Structures are given as C-alpha cells and as structure tokens.
Amino acid sequence: MSELAELFDRAMFLRDADDYDGASQLLRELVSRARPDDGRRLFAQAHVQLGAICKWQKRLEA
C-alpha cells in the first residue's frame, strides 16, 4: 500500500472516531503531497471526504 493510501486510511479511521480535525488535517496533507500519477481516484476521494467533513463540522457548530 502506498504512503498516500495509508494516510487516507488513517484519515478515515479518525473520521469514524469523530476526530474531524485530525482527519481533515491528514486529508489536506494527502492532497498537498499527491501528484497526478499517484492515482486520481485517491486524490478525488480525499477531496470528497474533506467536503463532507467540513459539512459535518458546520452542523456540529450550529
């Protein structure tokens, strides 16, 4: 498994444990380090998860 895939897995573990700040930090790191040849699906899924986490955080703040 690639290092970026491991970052994604750790981020999803944190998300599932309701640690949205930690998960979003790892996803941002993944997005900043990813290159086009690293896999567009992983890059796209990281963006999708970041968006979902931001929505959840806004709902929790309300």
PDB file of N, CA and C in Angstrom:
ATOM      1  N   MET A   1       0.848  -1.177   0.000  1.00  0.00           N
ATOM      2  CA  MET A   1       0.000   0.000   0.000  1.00  0.00           C
ATOM      3  C   MET A   1       0.893   1.240   0.000  1.00  0.00           C
ATOM      4  N   SER A   2       0.504   2.203  -0.790  1.00  0.00           N
ATOM      5  CA  SER A   2       1.314   3.418  -0.884  1.00  0.00           C
ATOM      6  C   SER A   2       1.177   4.269   0.381  1.00  0.00           C
ATOM      7  N   GLU A   3       2.125   5.151   0.543  1.00  0.00           N
ATOM      8  CA  GLU A   3       2.111   6.047   1.705  1.00  0.00           C
ATOM      9  C   GLU A   3       0.860   6.927   1.702  1.00  0.00           C
ATOM     10  N   LEU A   4       0.444   7.383   0.518  1.00  0.00           N
ATOM     11  CA  LEU A   4      -0.754   8.220   0.432  1.00  0.00           C
ATOM     12  C   LEU A   4      -2.012   7.428   0.769  1.00  0.00           C
ATOM     13  N   ALA A   5      -2.062   6.175   0.350  1.00  0.00           N
ATOM     14  CA  ALA A   5      -3.207   5.332   0.690  1.00  0.00           C
ATOM     15  C   ALA A   5      -3.266   5.103   2.198  1.00  0.00           C
ATOM     16  N   GLU A   6      -2.111   4.944   2.829  1.00  0.00           N
ATOM     17  CA  GLU A   6      -2.077   4.786   4.282  1.00  0.00           C
ATOM     18  C   GLU A   6      -2.558   6.056   4.978  1.00  0.00           C
ATOM     19  N   LEU A   7      -2.173   7.217   4.459  1.00  0.00           N
ATOM     20  CA  LEU A   7      -2.668   8.485   5.010  1.00  0.00           C
ATOM     21  C   LEU A   7      -4.184   8.546   4.918  1.00  0.00           C
ATOM     22  N   PHE A   8      -4.714   8.140   3.765  1.00  0.00           N
ATOM     23  CA  PHE A   8      -6.159   8.153   3.572  1.00  0.00           C
ATOM     24  C   PHE A   8      -6.846   7.219   4.567  1.00  0.00           C
ATOM     25  N   ASP A   9      -6.307   6.023   4.737  1.00  0.00           N
ATOM     26  CA  ASP A   9      -6.888   5.068   5.683  1.00  0.00           C
ATOM     27  C   ASP A   9      -6.873   5.611   7.108  1.00  0.00           C
ATOM     28  N   ARG A  10      -5.768   6.231   7.503  1.00  0.00           N
ATOM     29  CA  ARG A  10      -5.699   6.819   8.852  1.00  0.00           C
ATOM     30  C   ARG A  10      -6.705   7.953   8.997  1.00  0.00           C
ATOM     31  N   ALA A  11      -6.857   8.752   7.953  1.00  0.00           N
ATOM     32  CA  ALA A  11      -7.826   9.849   7.994  1.00  0.00           C
ATOM     33  C   ALA A  11      -9.246   9.309   8.158  1.00  0.00           C
ATOM     34  N   MET A  12      -9.573   8.225   7.458  1.00  0.00           N
ATOM     35  CA  MET A  12     -10.913   7.649   7.569  1.00  0.00           C
ATOM     36  C   MET A  12     -11.128   7.028   8.951  1.00  0.00           C
ATOM     37  N   PHE A  13     -10.081   6.466   9.525  1.00  0.00           N
ATOM     38  CA  PHE A  13     -10.176   5.942  10.884  1.00  0.00           C
ATOM     39  C   PHE A  13     -10.494   7.074  11.859  1.00  0.00           C
ATOM     40  N   LEU A  14      -9.794   8.202  11.717  1.00  0.00           N
ATOM     41  CA  LEU A  14     -10.043   9.347  12.595  1.00  0.00           C
ATOM     42  C   LEU A  14     -11.442   9.910  12.376  1.00  0.00           C
ATOM     43  N   ARG A  15     -11.865   9.971  11.114  1.00  0.00           N
ATOM     44  CA  ARG A  15     -13.216  10.451  10.816  1.00  0.00           C
ATOM     45  C   ARG A  15     -14.256   9.573  11.500  1.00  0.00           C
ATOM     46  N   ASP A  16     -14.085   8.262  11.403  1.00  0.00           N
ATOM     47  CA  ASP A  16     -15.032   7.331  12.015  1.00  0.00           C
ATOM     48  C   ASP A  16     -15.020   7.415  13.535  1.00  0.00           C
ATOM     49  N   ALA A  17     -13.904   7.881  14.103  1.00  0.00           N
ATOM     50  CA  ALA A  17     -13.794   8.065  15.551  1.00  0.00           C
ATOM     51  C   ALA A  17     -14.224   9.475  15.969  1.00  0.00           C
ATOM     52  N   ASP A  18     -14.846  10.205  15.034  1.00  0.00           N
ATOM     53  CA  ASP A  18     -15.338  11.576  15.262  1.00  0.00           C
ATOM     54  C   ASP A  18     -14.231  12.583  15.539  1.00  0.00           C
ATOM     55  N   ASP A  19     -13.021  12.301  15.097  1.00  0.00           N
ATOM     56  CA  ASP A  19     -11.919  13.264  15.189  1.00  0.00           C
ATOM     57  C   ASP A  19     -11.807  13.960  13.835  1.00  0.00           C
ATOM     58  N   TYR A  20     -12.736  14.885  13.592  1.00  0.00           N
ATOM     59  CA  TYR A  20     -12.820  15.536  12.288  1.00  0.00           C
ATOM     60  C   TYR A  20     -11.633  16.450  12.025  1.00  0.00           C
ATOM     61  N   ASP A  21     -11.107  17.083  13.053  1.00  0.00           N
ATOM     62  CA  ASP A  21      -9.939  17.950  12.860  1.00  0.00           C
ATOM     63  C   ASP A  21      -8.721  17.135  12.423  1.00  0.00           C
ATOM     64  N   GLY A  22      -8.488  16.037  13.094  1.00  0.00           N
ATOM     65  CA  GLY A  22      -7.361  15.181  12.733  1.00  0.00           C
ATOM     66  C   GLY A  22      -7.512  14.595  11.339  1.00  0.00           C
ATOM     67  N   ALA A  23      -8.729  14.170  11.017  1.00  0.00           N
ATOM     68  CA  ALA A  23      -8.982  13.599   9.695  1.00  0.00           C
ATOM     69  C   ALA A  23      -8.782  14.630   8.599  1.00  0.00           C
ATOM     70  N   SER A  24      -9.304  15.831   8.803  1.00  0.00           N
ATOM     71  CA  SER A  24      -9.157  16.850   7.760  1.00  0.00           C
ATOM     72  C   SER A  24      -7.697  17.272   7.606  1.00  0.00           C
ATOM     73  N   GLN A  25      -6.950  17.279   8.688  1.00  0.00           N
ATOM     74  CA  GLN A  25      -5.526  17.614   8.601  1.00  0.00           C
ATOM     75  C   GLN A  25      -4.777  16.575   7.751  1.00  0.00           C
ATOM     76  N   LEU A  26      -5.049  15.293   7.989  1.00  0.00           N
ATOM     77  CA  LEU A  26      -4.396  14.250   7.197  1.00  0.00           C
ATOM     78  C   LEU A  26      -4.820  14.313   5.732  1.00  0.00           C
ATOM     79  N   LEU A  27      -6.097  14.588   5.484  1.00  0.00           N
ATOM     80  CA  LEU A  27      -6.562  14.679   4.100  1.00  0.00           C
ATOM     81  C   LEU A  27      -5.935  15.868   3.385  1.00  0.00           C
ATOM     82  N   ARG A  28      -5.790  16.977   4.085  1.00  0.00           N
ATOM     83  CA  ARG A  28      -5.126  18.134   3.474  1.00  0.00           C
ATOM     84  C   ARG A  28      -3.661  17.815   3.149  1.00  0.00           C
ATOM     85  N   GLU A  29      -3.023  17.084   4.036  1.00  0.00           N
ATOM     86  CA  GLU A  29      -1.641  16.673   3.775  1.00  0.00           C
ATOM     87  C   GLU A  29      -1.580  15.772   2.545  1.00  0.00           C
ATOM     88  N   LEU A  30      -2.513  14.842   2.454  1.00  0.00           N
ATOM     89  CA  LEU A  30      -2.559  13.946   1.304  1.00  0.00           C
ATOM     90  C   LEU A  30      -2.729  14.736   0.010  1.00  0.00           C
ATOM     91  N   VAL A  31      -3.678  15.667  -0.007  1.00  0.00           N
ATOM     92  CA  VAL A  31      -3.944  16.458  -1.209  1.00  0.00           C
ATOM     93  C   VAL A  31      -2.725  17.290  -1.595  1.00  0.00           C
ATOM     94  N   SER A  32      -2.030  17.831  -0.614  1.00  0.00           N
ATOM     95  CA  SER A  32      -0.871  18.670  -0.930  1.00  0.00           C
ATOM     96  C   SER A  32       0.310  17.851  -1.456  1.00  0.00           C
ATOM     97  N   ARG A  33       0.386  16.585  -1.075  1.00  0.00           N
ATOM     98  CA  ARG A  33       1.510  15.741  -1.486  1.00  0.00           C
ATOM     99  C   ARG A  33       1.231  14.916  -2.734  1.00  0.00           C
ATOM    100  N   ALA A  34      -0.027  14.758  -3.098  1.00  0.00           N
ATOM    101  CA  ALA A  34      -0.386  13.896  -4.227  1.00  0.00           C
ATOM    102  C   ALA A  34       0.065  14.505  -5.549  1.00  0.00           C
ATOM    103  N   ARG A  35       0.473  13.652  -6.434  1.00  0.00           N
ATOM    104  CA  ARG A  35       0.863  14.028  -7.791  1.00  0.00           C
ATOM    105  C   ARG A  35      -0.073  13.308  -8.754  1.00  0.00           C
ATOM    106  N   PRO A  36      -0.240  13.828  -9.963  1.00  0.00           N
ATOM    107  CA  PRO A  36      -1.182  13.208 -10.907  1.00  0.00           C
ATOM    108  C   PRO A  36      -0.969  11.708 -11.115  1.00  0.00           C
ATOM    109  N   ASP A  37       0.255  11.256 -11.082  1.00  0.00           N
ATOM    110  CA  ASP A  37       0.495   9.830 -11.295  1.00  0.00           C
ATOM    111  C   ASP A  37       0.280   8.984 -10.038  1.00  0.00           C
ATOM    112  N   ASP A  38      -0.071   9.607  -8.910  1.00  0.00           N
ATOM    113  CA  ASP A  38      -0.312   8.864  -7.672  1.00  0.00           C
ATOM    114  C   ASP A  38      -1.678   8.191  -7.649  1.00  0.00           C
ATOM    115  N   GLY A  39      -2.536   8.565  -8.535  1.00  0.00           N
ATOM    116  CA  GLY A  39      -3.867   7.975  -8.557  1.00  0.00           C
ATOM    117  C   GLY A  39      -4.933   9.038  -8.382  1.00  0.00           C
ATOM    118  N   ARG A  40      -5.622   9.290  -9.435  1.00  0.00           N
ATOM    119  CA  ARG A  40      -6.637  10.351  -9.402  1.00  0.00           C
ATOM    120  C   ARG A  40      -7.823   9.992  -8.527  1.00  0.00           C
ATOM    121  N   ARG A  41      -8.127   8.716  -8.422  1.00  0.00           N
ATOM    122  CA  ARG A  41      -9.269   8.313  -7.584  1.00  0.00           C
ATOM    123  C   ARG A  41      -9.020   8.643  -6.119  1.00  0.00           C
ATOM    124  N   LEU A  42      -7.822   8.363  -5.658  1.00  0.00           N
ATOM    125  CA  LEU A  42      -7.474   8.665  -4.266  1.00  0.00           C
ATOM    126  C   LEU A  42      -7.520  10.168  -4.023  1.00  0.00           C
ATOM    127  N   PHE A  43      -6.978  10.936  -4.953  1.00  0.00           N
ATOM    128  CA  PHE A  43      -6.981  12.394  -4.863  1.00  0.00           C
ATOM    129  C   PHE A  43      -8.416  12.918  -4.839  1.00  0.00           C
ATOM    130  N   ALA A  44      -9.261  12.404  -5.732  1.00  0.00           N
ATOM    131  CA  ALA A  44     -10.658  12.839  -5.795  1.00  0.00           C
ATOM    132  C   ALA A  44     -11.410  12.448  -4.528  1.00  0.00           C
ATOM    133  N   GLN A  45     -11.198  11.240  -4.047  1.00  0.00           N
ATOM    134  CA  GLN A  45     -11.894  10.791  -2.840  1.00  0.00           C
ATOM    135  C   GLN A  45     -11.468  11.602  -1.624  1.00  0.00           C
ATOM    136  N   ALA A  46     -10.213  11.999  -1.565  1.00  0.00           N
ATOM    137  CA  ALA A  46      -9.754  12.848  -0.462  1.00  0.00           C
ATOM    138  C   ALA A  46     -10.493  14.181  -0.483  1.00  0.00           C
ATOM    139  N   HIS A  47     -10.693  14.751  -1.671  1.00  0.00           N
ATOM    140  CA  HIS A  47     -11.444  15.999  -1.781  1.00  0.00           C
ATOM    141  C   HIS A  47     -12.897  15.812  -1.356  1.00  0.00           C
ATOM    142  N   VAL A  48     -13.505  14.715  -1.764  1.00  0.00           N
ATOM    143  CA  VAL A  48     -14.891  14.426  -1.385  1.00  0.00           C
ATOM    144  C   VAL A  48     -15.006  14.320   0.132  1.00  0.00           C
ATOM    145  N   GLN A  49     -14.096  13.599   0.748  1.00  0.00           N
ATOM    146  CA  GLN A  49     -14.139  13.427   2.200  1.00  0.00           C
ATOM    147  C   GLN A  49     -13.891  14.740   2.931  1.00  0.00           C
ATOM    148  N   LEU A  50     -12.999  15.574   2.419  1.00  0.00           N
ATOM    149  CA  LEU A  50     -12.771  16.888   3.029  1.00  0.00           C
ATOM    150  C   LEU A  50     -14.047  17.712   3.012  1.00  0.00           C
ATOM    151  N   GLY A  51     -14.750  17.698   1.886  1.00  0.00           N
ATOM    152  CA  GLY A  51     -16.012  18.426   1.788  1.00  0.00           C
ATOM    153  C   GLY A  51     -17.046  17.909   2.770  1.00  0.00           C
ATOM    154  N   ALA A  52     -17.142  16.602   2.889  1.00  0.00           N
ATOM    155  CA  ALA A  52     -18.104  16.007   3.815  1.00  0.00           C
ATOM    156  C   ALA A  52     -17.762  16.356   5.258  1.00  0.00           C
ATOM    157  N   ILE A  53     -16.496  16.300   5.611  1.00  0.00           N
ATOM    158  CA  ILE A  53     -16.076  16.631   6.974  1.00  0.00           C
ATOM    159  C   ILE A  53     -16.382  18.088   7.285  1.00  0.00           C
ATOM    160  N   CYS A  54     -16.143  18.981   6.344  1.00  0.00           N
ATOM    161  CA  CYS A  54     -16.458  20.401   6.559  1.00  0.00           C
ATOM    162  C   CYS A  54     -17.948  20.591   6.817  1.00  0.00           C
ATOM    163  N   LYS A  55     -18.790  19.881   6.083  1.00  0.00           N
ATOM    164  CA  LYS A  55     -20.241  19.966   6.299  1.00  0.00           C
ATOM    165  C   LYS A  55     -20.606  19.464   7.689  1.00  0.00           C
ATOM    166  N   TRP A  56     -20.024  18.331   8.097  1.00  0.00           N
ATOM    167  CA  TRP A  56     -20.324  17.782   9.419  1.00  0.00           C
ATOM    168  C   TRP A  56     -19.894  18.740  10.519  1.00  0.00           C
ATOM    169  N   GLN A  57     -18.724  19.348  10.349  1.00  0.00           N
ATOM    170  CA  GLN A  57     -18.233  20.282  11.360  1.00  0.00           C
ATOM    171  C   GLN A  57     -19.161  21.487  11.471  1.00  0.00           C
ATOM    172  N   LYS A  58     -19.653  21.990  10.360  1.00  0.00           N
ATOM    173  CA  LYS A  58     -20.576  23.130  10.396  1.00  0.00           C
ATOM    174  C   LYS A  58     -21.867  22.757  11.101  1.00  0.00           C
ATOM    175  N   ARG A  59     -22.367  21.554  10.867  1.00  0.00           N
ATOM    176  CA  ARG A  59     -23.596  21.105  11.534  1.00  0.00           C
ATOM    177  C   ARG A  59     -23.386  20.962  13.037  1.00  0.00           C
ATOM    178  N   LEU A  60     -22.207  20.489  13.427  1.00  0.00           N
ATOM    179  CA  LEU A  60     -21.928  20.332  14.849  1.00  0.00           C
ATOM    180  C   LEU A  60     -21.803  21.677  15.557  1.00  0.00           C
ATOM    181  N   GLU A  61     -21.322  22.689  14.835  1.00  0.00           N
ATOM    182  CA  GLU A  61     -21.162  24.020  15.426  1.00  0.00           C
ATOM    183  C   GLU A  61     -22.494  24.735  15.591  1.00  0.00           C
ATOM    184  N   ALA A  62     -23.480  24.358  14.782  1.00  0.00           N
ATOM    185  CA  ALA A  62     -24.782  25.054  14.806  1.00  0.00           C
ATOM    186  C   ALA A  62     -25.607  24.680  16.007  1.00  0.00           C
TER     187      ALA A  62
END
